[in-house]
Amino acid sequence: MELHEVVPDVIDEVPEYVAEVAWSPDTRVDMGNELTPLQVKSPPTMFSWPTEPGALYTLAMVDPDAPCRTDRSVGEVIHWLVLNIPGCDVSKGQVHAEHIGSGPREGSGLHRYVFLIYKQSGPITSPSEAYRPRNSERRIRWSARNFVRDNTLGALVAGNFYLAQYDDYVPTFYEELHANDP
């Protein structure tokens, strides 16, 4: 995370644990490995991080590199936000921002997609911000640090990240993303 500057661009220090995040046994997040936008178009289905009995967790997935790594004027972009996760069972959490896969713009280079797992001090019943639909305009200029502060989240328990860049699937990604725009 330090080599790829996730610390300090997104978080202040490397979390104690690595979150295991995967779509399949062959498609896993591995501390900066490169995955294709097609591989990560759907939400991951396999998760693991250290948990405490009865504790709730928040999962945030952000891209700090919008529109590109050298011009991060639009990032952080929130790609997925799930609150009140019991243990590692993300499917039982409250989706606050639906999953959006990776869609780096052509010529924008590699983007970092960062998964952050925070322990909550209790249930989050009224998040500090409105629900974020799949609309991309409502996802920009998000801040993990601000969300943690505004919702009094506990410690960063675990994290992980992958890299992705533009490929032939990205135009399809944007068509699907904007299919329901008003």
Protein backbone atom coordinates (compact mmCIF):
# COMPACT_ATOMS: atom_id res chain seq x y z
CA MET A 1 0.00 0.00 0.00
CA GLU A 2 2.89 2.34 0.57
CA LEU A 3 4.63 1.39 -2.69
CA HIS A 4 1.48 2.31 -4.66
CA GLU A 5 0.83 5.33 -2.40
CA VAL A 6 -2.54 4.14 -1.11
CA VAL A 7 -0.88 5.45 2.04
CA PRO A 8 -1.06 8.52 2.14
CA ASP A 9 -3.45 9.17 -0.79
CA VAL A 10 -6.43 7.30 0.70
CA ILE A 11 -5.51 6.24 4.24
CA ASP A 12 -2.95 7.38 6.81
CA GLU A 13 -1.40 4.02 7.65
CA VAL A 14 -1.31 0.46 6.40
CA PRO A 15 -4.01 -1.62 8.12
CA GLU A 16 -2.90 -4.46 10.34
CA TYR A 17 -4.64 -7.10 8.17
CA VAL A 18 -5.09 -7.81 4.49
CA ALA A 19 -8.73 -8.28 3.52
CA GLU A 20 -9.30 -11.28 1.30
CA VAL A 21 -11.51 -10.23 -1.60
CA ALA A 22 -12.27 -12.46 -4.59
CA TRP A 23 -14.71 -13.11 -7.41
CA SER A 24 -13.50 -16.68 -7.87
CA PRO A 25 -10.48 -18.73 -6.80
CA ASP A 26 -8.67 -17.43 -9.91
CA THR A 27 -9.77 -13.78 -9.65
CA ARG A 28 -8.54 -12.33 -6.37
CA VAL A 29 -7.40 -8.96 -5.08
CA ASP A 30 -3.74 -9.27 -4.14
CA MET A 31 -2.18 -6.02 -2.92
CA GLY A 32 -1.77 -4.31 -6.27
CA ASN A 33 -2.23 -7.08 -8.79
CA GLU A 34 -3.77 -6.06 -12.10
CA LEU A 35 -7.29 -7.19 -12.92
CA THR A 36 -9.31 -6.35 -16.02
CA PRO A 37 -12.54 -4.32 -15.95
CA LEU A 38 -14.37 -7.38 -17.31
CA GLN A 39 -13.08 -9.56 -14.44
CA VAL A 40 -14.39 -7.10 -11.83
CA LYS A 41 -17.65 -5.96 -13.43
CA SER A 42 -19.76 -7.66 -10.72
CA PRO A 43 -19.34 -7.40 -6.97
CA PRO A 44 -16.85 -9.80 -5.43
CA THR A 45 -18.43 -12.79 -3.72
CA MET A 46 -15.74 -14.04 -1.34
CA PHE A 47 -14.50 -12.03 1.66
CA SER A 48 -12.49 -12.62 4.77
CA TRP A 49 -10.97 -10.39 7.45
CA PRO A 50 -10.49 -10.75 11.21
CA THR A 51 -13.77 -10.15 13.04
CA GLU A 52 -15.00 -9.89 16.61
CA PRO A 53 -18.18 -11.67 17.75
CA GLY A 54 -21.21 -9.39 17.42
CA ALA A 55 -19.26 -6.59 15.70
CA LEU A 56 -20.46 -4.77 12.59
CA TYR A 57 -18.23 -3.58 9.77
CA THR A 58 -18.25 -1.13 6.88
CA LEU A 59 -16.74 -1.99 3.50
CA ALA A 60 -15.77 0.84 1.17
CA MET A 61 -14.30 0.42 -2.32
CA VAL A 62 -12.76 3.59 -3.76
CA ASP A 63 -10.85 4.73 -6.83
CA PRO A 64 -8.64 7.67 -5.84
CA ASP A 65 -7.36 8.12 -9.40
CA ALA A 66 -10.13 9.90 -11.26
CA PRO A 67 -9.78 11.08 -13.92
CA CYS A 68 -6.17 9.75 -13.78
CA ARG A 69 -3.35 9.22 -11.32
CA THR A 70 -1.62 12.50 -12.24
CA ASP A 71 -4.87 14.50 -12.05
CA ARG A 72 -6.98 13.25 -9.17
CA SER A 73 -9.37 16.22 -9.25
CA VAL A 74 -12.47 14.01 -9.36
CA GLY A 75 -11.30 11.22 -7.04
CA GLU A 76 -11.97 9.64 -4.67
CA VAL A 77 -14.82 7.91 -6.44
CA ILE A 78 -16.87 5.57 -4.25
CA HIS A 79 -17.42 2.32 -6.15
CA TRP A 80 -19.15 0.41 -3.38
CA LEU A 81 -20.22 1.09 0.19
CA VAL A 82 -21.81 -1.51 2.48
CA LEU A 83 -22.68 -0.72 6.10
CA ASN A 84 -23.63 -2.84 9.11
CA ILE A 85 -21.94 -6.01 7.88
CA PRO A 86 -22.14 -8.78 10.48
CA GLY A 87 -18.71 -10.41 10.53
CA CYS A 88 -17.55 -10.96 6.93
CA ASP A 89 -21.02 -11.62 5.51
CA VAL A 90 -21.20 -8.69 3.08
CA SER A 91 -24.47 -10.05 1.64
CA LYS A 92 -26.17 -9.28 4.98
CA GLY A 93 -24.93 -5.69 5.15
CA GLN A 94 -26.84 -2.55 4.11
CA VAL A 95 -25.80 -1.39 0.63
CA HIS A 96 -25.38 2.36 0.73
CA ALA A 97 -23.70 2.70 -2.67
CA GLU A 98 -24.31 -0.08 -5.19
CA HIS A 99 -21.25 -1.77 -6.65
CA ILE A 100 -19.80 -0.21 -9.77
CA GLY A 101 -16.99 -2.09 -11.48
CA SER A 102 -13.81 -0.55 -12.83
CA GLY A 103 -13.99 1.71 -15.87
CA PRO A 104 -10.80 3.75 -16.26
CA ARG A 105 -11.02 6.19 -19.15
CA GLU A 106 -8.92 5.52 -22.24
CA GLY A 107 -5.39 6.84 -21.81
CA SER A 108 -5.77 7.34 -18.04
CA GLY A 109 -3.32 4.60 -17.10
CA LEU A 110 -3.60 2.28 -14.14
CA HIS A 111 -6.14 3.12 -11.43
CA ARG A 112 -5.99 1.85 -7.86
CA TYR A 113 -9.20 0.23 -6.55
CA VAL A 114 -8.96 0.10 -2.78
CA PHE A 115 -11.06 -2.00 -0.39
CA LEU A 116 -11.23 -0.68 3.17
CA ILE A 117 -12.84 -2.53 6.09
CA TYR A 118 -13.72 -0.51 9.20
CA LYS A 119 -15.09 -1.76 12.50
CA GLN A 120 -18.20 0.16 13.48
CA SER A 121 -18.78 1.40 17.03
CA GLY A 122 -22.42 0.31 16.62
CA PRO A 123 -25.13 0.13 13.94
CA ILE A 124 -25.22 2.99 11.45
CA THR A 125 -28.87 3.92 11.12
CA SER A 126 -28.54 7.37 9.52
CA PRO A 127 -25.36 7.69 7.49
CA SER A 128 -23.90 11.18 7.19
CA GLU A 129 -24.75 11.30 3.49
CA ALA A 130 -27.57 10.30 1.19
CA TYR A 131 -27.78 6.94 -0.55
CA ARG A 132 -25.65 6.89 -3.68
CA PRO A 133 -27.29 5.26 -6.71
CA ARG A 134 -25.37 3.86 -9.67
CA ASN A 135 -25.27 7.36 -11.18
CA SER A 136 -21.59 8.21 -11.60
CA GLU A 137 -22.04 11.93 -10.90
CA ARG A 138 -23.19 11.16 -7.35
CA ARG A 139 -20.03 9.10 -6.71
CA ILE A 140 -17.25 11.63 -7.32
CA ARG A 141 -15.29 13.67 -4.78
CA TRP A 142 -16.06 11.16 -2.03
CA SER A 143 -13.62 10.86 0.88
CA ALA A 144 -12.99 7.77 2.96
CA ARG A 145 -11.42 9.92 5.66
CA ASN A 146 -14.48 12.20 5.85
CA PHE A 147 -16.91 9.28 5.87
CA VAL A 148 -15.01 7.61 8.71
CA ARG A 149 -14.96 10.86 10.69
CA ASP A 150 -18.59 11.80 10.04
CA ASN A 151 -19.91 8.35 10.95
CA THR A 152 -17.59 7.77 13.91
CA LEU A 153 -16.29 4.52 12.48
CA GLY A 154 -13.75 2.62 14.47
CA ALA A 155 -10.35 1.41 13.39
CA LEU A 156 -9.40 0.40 9.88
CA VAL A 157 -9.31 -3.36 10.33
CA ALA A 158 -8.18 -4.53 6.91
CA GLY A 159 -7.58 -3.40 3.36
CA ASN A 160 -6.50 -4.56 -0.05
CA PHE A 161 -6.36 -3.17 -3.58
CA TYR A 162 -5.99 -4.03 -7.23
CA LEU A 163 -5.01 -2.08 -10.32
CA ALA A 164 -7.05 -1.79 -13.52
CA GLN A 165 -6.73 0.12 -16.76
CA TYR A 166 -8.83 0.80 -19.84
CA ASP A 167 -9.56 -2.14 -22.12
CA ASP A 168 -12.15 -3.10 -24.76
CA TYR A 169 -14.82 -3.79 -22.11
CA VAL A 170 -14.87 -0.22 -20.72
CA PRO A 171 -17.24 1.24 -23.39
CA THR A 172 -19.74 -1.52 -22.51
CA PHE A 173 -19.25 -0.69 -18.82
CA TYR A 174 -20.24 2.95 -19.45
CA GLU A 175 -23.24 1.96 -21.59
CA GLU A 176 -24.49 -0.25 -18.76
CA LEU A 177 -23.72 2.38 -16.12
CA HIS A 178 -25.66 5.11 -17.93
CA ALA A 179 -28.51 2.90 -19.22
CA ASN A 180 -30.90 4.10 -16.52
CA ASP A 181 -29.80 7.74 -16.33
CA PRO A 182 -32.67 10.23 -16.60
